[in-house]
N, C-alpha and C. Protein backbone atom coordinates (compact mmCIF):
# COMPACT_ATOMS: atom_id res chain seq x y z
N MET A 1 3.67 -7.65 -21.73
CA MET A 1 2.72 -6.40 -21.47
C MET A 1 3.21 -5.22 -20.78
N ASP A 2 3.03 -4.16 -21.08
CA ASP A 2 3.37 -2.82 -20.46
C ASP A 2 2.39 -2.47 -19.36
N ALA A 3 2.70 -1.59 -18.52
CA ALA A 3 1.74 -1.17 -17.41
C ALA A 3 0.41 -0.69 -17.82
N SER A 4 0.23 -0.14 -19.11
CA SER A 4 -0.91 0.39 -19.55
C SER A 4 -1.96 -0.76 -19.85
N GLU A 5 -1.31 -1.80 -20.54
CA GLU A 5 -2.15 -2.92 -20.92
C GLU A 5 -2.38 -3.89 -19.40
N ILE A 6 -1.67 -3.76 -18.70
CA ILE A 6 -1.93 -4.40 -17.47
C ILE A 6 -3.09 -3.94 -16.74
N ARG A 7 -3.20 -2.32 -16.80
CA ARG A 7 -4.08 -1.57 -15.90
C ARG A 7 -5.64 -1.84 -16.62
N GLN A 8 -5.52 -2.33 -17.92
CA GLN A 8 -6.64 -2.37 -18.55
C GLN A 8 -7.54 -3.73 -18.07
N ASN A 9 -6.95 -4.54 -17.41
CA ASN A 9 -7.33 -5.81 -17.09
C ASN A 9 -8.06 -5.56 -15.80
N PHE A 10 -7.89 -4.62 -15.08
CA PHE A 10 -8.61 -4.47 -13.67
C PHE A 10 -8.52 -3.01 -13.33
N ASP A 11 -9.66 -2.71 -12.36
CA ASP A 11 -9.95 -1.48 -11.99
C ASP A 11 -9.19 -1.01 -10.73
N ARG A 12 -8.74 -2.08 -9.86
CA ARG A 12 -8.28 -1.63 -8.77
C ARG A 12 -7.26 -2.40 -8.44
N PHE A 13 -6.02 -1.80 -7.65
CA PHE A 13 -4.89 -2.62 -7.22
C PHE A 13 -5.31 -3.27 -5.90
N ARG A 14 -4.83 -4.41 -5.60
CA ARG A 14 -5.22 -5.13 -4.34
C ARG A 14 -3.91 -5.33 -3.69
N ILE A 15 -3.86 -4.62 -2.47
CA ILE A 15 -2.55 -4.51 -1.62
C ILE A 15 -2.88 -5.16 -0.22
N LEU A 16 -1.93 -5.98 0.13
CA LEU A 16 -1.82 -6.69 1.46
C LEU A 16 -0.69 -5.80 2.31
N ILE A 17 -1.33 -5.41 3.37
CA ILE A 17 -0.30 -4.49 4.26
C ILE A 17 -0.12 -5.38 5.61
N ILE A 18 1.20 -5.49 5.76
CA ILE A 18 1.58 -6.30 6.87
C ILE A 18 2.37 -5.59 7.81
N GLY A 19 2.31 -5.75 9.14
CA GLY A 19 3.12 -5.10 10.01
C GLY A 19 2.65 -5.60 11.43
N ARG A 20 3.39 -4.98 12.51
CA ARG A 20 3.28 -5.65 13.83
C ARG A 20 1.67 -4.76 14.24
N ALA A 21 1.07 -5.56 15.34
CA ALA A 21 -0.12 -5.24 15.76
C ALA A 21 0.12 -3.76 16.52
N ASN A 22 -0.98 -3.01 16.24
CA ASN A 22 -1.35 -1.69 16.68
C ASN A 22 -0.07 -0.73 16.26
N ALA A 23 0.59 -0.89 15.15
CA ALA A 23 1.90 -0.30 14.60
C ALA A 23 1.40 0.99 13.70
N GLY A 24 -0.06 1.25 13.49
CA GLY A 24 -0.37 2.19 12.59
C GLY A 24 -0.78 1.99 11.22
N LYS A 25 -0.70 0.72 10.93
CA LYS A 25 -1.16 0.47 9.32
C LYS A 25 -2.22 1.21 8.83
N THR A 26 -3.42 1.15 9.42
CA THR A 26 -4.52 1.94 8.85
C THR A 26 -4.42 3.48 8.82
N THR A 27 -3.50 3.84 9.86
CA THR A 27 -3.32 5.25 9.64
C THR A 27 -2.24 5.59 8.49
N ILE A 28 -1.43 4.74 8.21
CA ILE A 28 -0.40 4.87 7.13
C ILE A 28 -1.45 4.98 5.64
N LEU A 29 -2.38 3.90 5.79
CA LEU A 29 -3.16 3.93 4.56
C LEU A 29 -4.06 5.09 4.50
N GLN A 30 -4.43 5.75 5.65
CA GLN A 30 -5.10 7.05 5.41
C GLN A 30 -4.20 8.17 4.92
N ARG A 31 -3.01 8.29 5.29
CA ARG A 31 -1.99 9.28 4.78
C ARG A 31 -1.81 9.10 3.26
N VAL A 32 -1.71 7.80 2.76
CA VAL A 32 -1.39 7.47 1.38
C VAL A 32 -2.56 7.96 0.70
N CYS A 33 -3.77 7.65 1.25
CA CYS A 33 -5.03 8.05 0.46
C CYS A 33 -5.43 9.19 0.65
N LYS A 34 -4.77 10.19 1.32
CA LYS A 34 -4.81 11.57 1.75
C LYS A 34 -6.37 11.66 2.20
N THR A 35 -6.71 10.95 3.30
CA THR A 35 -8.04 11.08 3.90
C THR A 35 -7.69 10.81 5.47
N ARG A 36 -8.73 11.28 6.10
CA ARG A 36 -8.77 11.01 7.75
C ARG A 36 -9.98 10.02 7.99
N GLU A 37 -10.71 9.80 6.93
CA GLU A 37 -11.75 8.96 6.92
C GLU A 37 -11.45 7.50 7.20
N ASN A 38 -12.03 6.90 7.87
CA ASN A 38 -12.16 5.32 8.09
C ASN A 38 -12.30 4.61 6.81
N PRO A 39 -11.67 3.50 6.52
CA PRO A 39 -12.22 2.92 5.30
C PRO A 39 -13.43 2.14 5.43
N GLU A 40 -14.13 1.82 4.28
CA GLU A 40 -15.25 0.97 4.38
C GLU A 40 -14.63 -0.36 4.27
N ILE A 41 -15.48 -1.31 5.05
CA ILE A 41 -14.95 -2.81 5.10
C ILE A 41 -16.13 -3.70 4.50
N TYR A 42 -15.53 -4.38 3.60
CA TYR A 42 -16.45 -5.56 2.89
C TYR A 42 -16.01 -6.69 3.21
N ASP A 43 -16.88 -7.66 3.64
CA ASP A 43 -16.53 -9.12 3.75
C ASP A 43 -16.35 -9.85 2.55
N ARG A 44 -16.20 -11.17 2.54
CA ARG A 44 -16.09 -12.12 1.48
C ARG A 44 -17.22 -12.27 0.64
N ALA A 45 -18.46 -11.88 1.16
CA ALA A 45 -19.65 -11.82 0.39
C ALA A 45 -20.12 -10.52 -0.26
N GLY A 46 -19.07 -9.60 -0.02
CA GLY A 46 -19.43 -8.26 -0.64
C GLY A 46 -20.13 -7.34 0.26
N GLN A 47 -20.59 -7.92 1.61
CA GLN A 47 -21.40 -7.11 2.25
C GLN A 47 -20.72 -6.07 3.23
N LYS A 48 -20.95 -4.71 3.40
CA LYS A 48 -20.41 -3.93 4.18
C LYS A 48 -20.44 -4.27 5.73
N VAL A 49 -19.26 -4.35 6.41
CA VAL A 49 -19.13 -4.40 7.99
C VAL A 49 -18.85 -3.16 8.61
N ARG A 50 -19.12 -3.18 9.82
CA ARG A 50 -18.55 -2.06 10.69
C ARG A 50 -17.12 -1.85 10.84
N PHE A 51 -16.27 -0.91 10.77
CA PHE A 51 -14.82 -0.78 11.04
C PHE A 51 -14.67 -0.66 12.45
N GLN A 52 -13.86 -1.53 12.88
CA GLN A 52 -13.42 -1.46 14.41
C GLN A 52 -11.91 -1.55 14.23
N ARG A 53 -11.35 -0.51 14.98
CA ARG A 53 -9.79 -0.24 14.90
C ARG A 53 -9.51 -1.49 15.99
N GLY A 54 -8.35 -2.27 15.24
CA GLY A 54 -7.58 -3.21 16.05
C GLY A 54 -8.21 -4.59 15.66
N VAL A 55 -9.45 -4.65 15.06
CA VAL A 55 -10.02 -6.01 14.80
C VAL A 55 -9.97 -6.13 13.19
N HIS A 56 -9.44 -7.25 12.80
CA HIS A 56 -8.98 -7.23 11.22
C HIS A 56 -9.31 -8.66 10.82
N ASP A 57 -9.87 -8.95 9.81
CA ASP A 57 -9.93 -10.28 9.02
C ASP A 57 -9.30 -10.07 7.75
N ILE A 58 -8.09 -10.89 7.47
CA ILE A 58 -7.27 -10.52 6.38
C ILE A 58 -8.36 -10.57 5.20
N GLU A 59 -9.30 -11.40 5.10
CA GLU A 59 -10.31 -11.63 3.72
C GLU A 59 -10.89 -10.32 3.48
N ASN A 60 -11.20 -9.58 4.58
CA ASN A 60 -11.99 -8.45 4.24
C ASN A 60 -11.32 -7.51 3.45
N GLU A 61 -12.03 -6.75 2.68
CA GLU A 61 -11.60 -5.62 1.69
C GLU A 61 -11.78 -4.35 2.34
N MET A 62 -10.74 -3.52 2.46
CA MET A 62 -10.78 -2.03 2.98
C MET A 62 -10.55 -1.05 1.75
N VAL A 63 -11.53 -0.44 1.59
CA VAL A 63 -11.63 0.62 0.70
C VAL A 63 -11.77 2.03 1.02
N PHE A 64 -11.12 2.95 0.69
CA PHE A 64 -11.28 4.47 1.22
C PHE A 64 -12.29 5.05 -0.02
N GLN A 65 -13.30 5.70 0.34
CA GLN A 65 -14.18 6.35 -0.56
C GLN A 65 -13.52 7.43 -1.47
N ASN A 66 -12.41 8.15 -0.97
CA ASN A 66 -11.97 9.16 -1.83
C ASN A 66 -10.84 8.61 -2.70
N ASN A 67 -10.62 7.34 -2.47
CA ASN A 67 -9.38 6.71 -3.46
C ASN A 67 -9.81 5.24 -3.67
N GLN A 68 -10.89 5.13 -4.43
CA GLN A 68 -11.27 3.61 -4.53
C GLN A 68 -10.53 2.93 -5.81
N GLY A 69 -9.44 3.28 -6.20
CA GLY A 69 -8.44 2.71 -7.03
C GLY A 69 -7.59 1.31 -6.28
N PHE A 70 -7.91 1.46 -5.07
CA PHE A 70 -7.20 0.57 -4.30
C PHE A 70 -8.03 -0.40 -3.27
N ILE A 71 -7.82 -1.65 -3.20
CA ILE A 71 -8.38 -2.51 -2.36
C ILE A 71 -7.28 -2.96 -1.19
N PHE A 72 -7.37 -2.69 -0.06
CA PHE A 72 -6.37 -3.10 0.91
C PHE A 72 -6.82 -4.26 1.74
N HIS A 73 -6.03 -5.04 2.19
CA HIS A 73 -6.26 -6.28 2.87
C HIS A 73 -5.34 -6.10 4.18
N ASP A 74 -5.70 -6.07 5.28
CA ASP A 74 -4.92 -5.82 6.46
C ASP A 74 -4.73 -7.02 7.20
N SER A 75 -3.42 -7.45 7.74
CA SER A 75 -3.03 -8.48 8.39
C SER A 75 -3.42 -8.06 9.77
N ARG A 76 -3.48 -8.96 10.61
CA ARG A 76 -3.93 -8.79 11.99
C ARG A 76 -2.69 -8.27 12.93
N GLY A 77 -1.69 -8.40 12.20
CA GLY A 77 -0.33 -7.72 12.84
C GLY A 77 0.46 -8.97 13.55
N PHE A 78 1.73 -8.86 13.34
CA PHE A 78 2.73 -9.89 13.84
C PHE A 78 3.05 -9.70 15.34
N GLU A 79 3.22 -10.53 16.08
CA GLU A 79 3.92 -10.58 17.27
C GLU A 79 5.00 -11.27 17.27
N ALA A 80 6.08 -11.16 18.24
CA ALA A 80 7.16 -12.06 18.29
C ALA A 80 6.50 -13.46 18.77
N GLY A 81 7.06 -14.41 17.76
CA GLY A 81 6.64 -15.78 17.98
C GLY A 81 5.18 -16.21 17.57
N GLY A 82 4.41 -14.97 16.83
CA GLY A 82 2.98 -15.53 16.67
C GLY A 82 3.02 -16.24 15.25
N GLN A 83 2.97 -17.45 15.64
CA GLN A 83 3.00 -18.45 14.31
C GLN A 83 1.73 -18.50 13.65
N PHE A 84 0.56 -18.45 14.51
CA PHE A 84 -0.87 -18.35 13.91
C PHE A 84 -1.05 -17.20 12.81
N GLU A 85 -0.55 -16.17 13.19
CA GLU A 85 -0.85 -14.98 12.38
C GLU A 85 0.10 -14.98 11.07
N PHE A 86 1.36 -15.48 11.40
CA PHE A 86 2.28 -15.75 10.27
C PHE A 86 1.53 -17.00 9.11
N ASP A 87 1.10 -17.86 9.77
CA ASP A 87 0.54 -19.07 9.02
C ASP A 87 -0.83 -18.46 8.30
N LYS A 88 -1.54 -17.62 8.96
CA LYS A 88 -2.72 -17.20 8.15
C LYS A 88 -2.30 -16.17 6.84
N VAL A 89 -1.21 -15.44 7.06
CA VAL A 89 -0.92 -14.63 6.01
C VAL A 89 -0.38 -15.33 4.85
N LYS A 90 0.37 -16.47 5.27
CA LYS A 90 1.03 -17.38 4.17
C LYS A 90 -0.32 -18.08 3.40
N ALA A 91 -1.28 -18.59 4.06
CA ALA A 91 -2.43 -19.22 3.54
C ALA A 91 -2.88 -18.22 2.55
N PHE A 92 -3.25 -16.92 3.07
CA PHE A 92 -3.92 -16.00 2.28
C PHE A 92 -3.41 -15.62 0.91
N ILE A 93 -2.06 -15.52 1.02
CA ILE A 93 -1.30 -15.32 -0.18
C ILE A 93 -1.25 -16.48 -0.99
N ARG A 94 -1.26 -17.54 -0.53
CA ARG A 94 -1.36 -18.64 -1.41
C ARG A 94 -2.64 -18.90 -1.87
N HIS A 95 -3.75 -18.51 -1.19
CA HIS A 95 -5.04 -18.75 -1.82
C HIS A 95 -5.15 -17.71 -3.01
N ARG A 96 -4.88 -16.39 -2.59
CA ARG A 96 -4.90 -15.21 -3.64
C ARG A 96 -4.11 -15.82 -4.86
N SER A 97 -3.01 -16.15 -4.94
CA SER A 97 -2.16 -16.37 -5.96
C SER A 97 -2.89 -17.57 -6.87
N LYS A 98 -3.57 -18.17 -6.45
CA LYS A 98 -4.18 -19.11 -7.31
C LYS A 98 -5.59 -18.75 -7.85
N LYS A 99 -5.99 -17.55 -7.74
CA LYS A 99 -7.16 -17.09 -8.35
C LYS A 99 -7.00 -16.75 -9.78
N ARG A 100 -7.88 -17.08 -10.58
CA ARG A 100 -7.89 -17.05 -11.98
C ARG A 100 -7.71 -15.60 -12.47
N ARG A 101 -8.68 -14.76 -11.83
CA ARG A 101 -8.67 -13.33 -12.34
C ARG A 101 -7.72 -12.64 -11.77
N LEU A 102 -6.88 -11.81 -12.59
CA LEU A 102 -5.82 -10.98 -12.00
C LEU A 102 -6.49 -9.98 -11.10
N SER A 103 -7.62 -9.34 -11.22
CA SER A 103 -8.14 -8.51 -10.28
C SER A 103 -8.39 -8.96 -8.88
N ASP A 104 -8.47 -10.33 -8.86
CA ASP A 104 -8.64 -11.05 -7.53
C ASP A 104 -7.22 -11.38 -6.87
N GLN A 105 -6.33 -11.31 -7.52
CA GLN A 105 -4.87 -11.65 -6.77
C GLN A 105 -4.44 -10.42 -6.26
N ILE A 106 -3.32 -10.71 -5.43
CA ILE A 106 -2.67 -9.68 -4.57
C ILE A 106 -1.64 -9.04 -5.51
N HIS A 107 -1.59 -7.84 -5.82
CA HIS A 107 -0.69 -7.19 -6.52
C HIS A 107 0.56 -6.49 -6.00
N VAL A 108 0.36 -6.26 -4.65
CA VAL A 108 1.47 -5.70 -3.87
C VAL A 108 1.49 -6.17 -2.87
N ILE A 109 2.44 -6.52 -1.81
CA ILE A 109 2.74 -6.61 -0.40
C ILE A 109 3.34 -5.74 0.08
N TRP A 110 2.96 -5.02 1.10
CA TRP A 110 3.55 -3.75 1.66
C TRP A 110 3.72 -4.01 3.14
């Protein structure tokens, strides 16, 4: 399959962003999406939840209204020796990799 055929299978790219806590992951995403607005956050049930800087559930989907071709998942951030966060990210990647639909899988880890 070439890129155009793959693109026909789903509307949005799903990206997991990983980095240190308070390193500016959301700010980087705002720059990439060319916005200063906060993303809209949706829980597992598709319900909109309030954006709170520094509070992240990796399962939540972050979407910027001006660039809806991407769904971002934000890790809580890694700290030195933070095994819990690392295990949670590994479990999330494992879980998403088993999804049947390509649109539900992680396409990029950044």
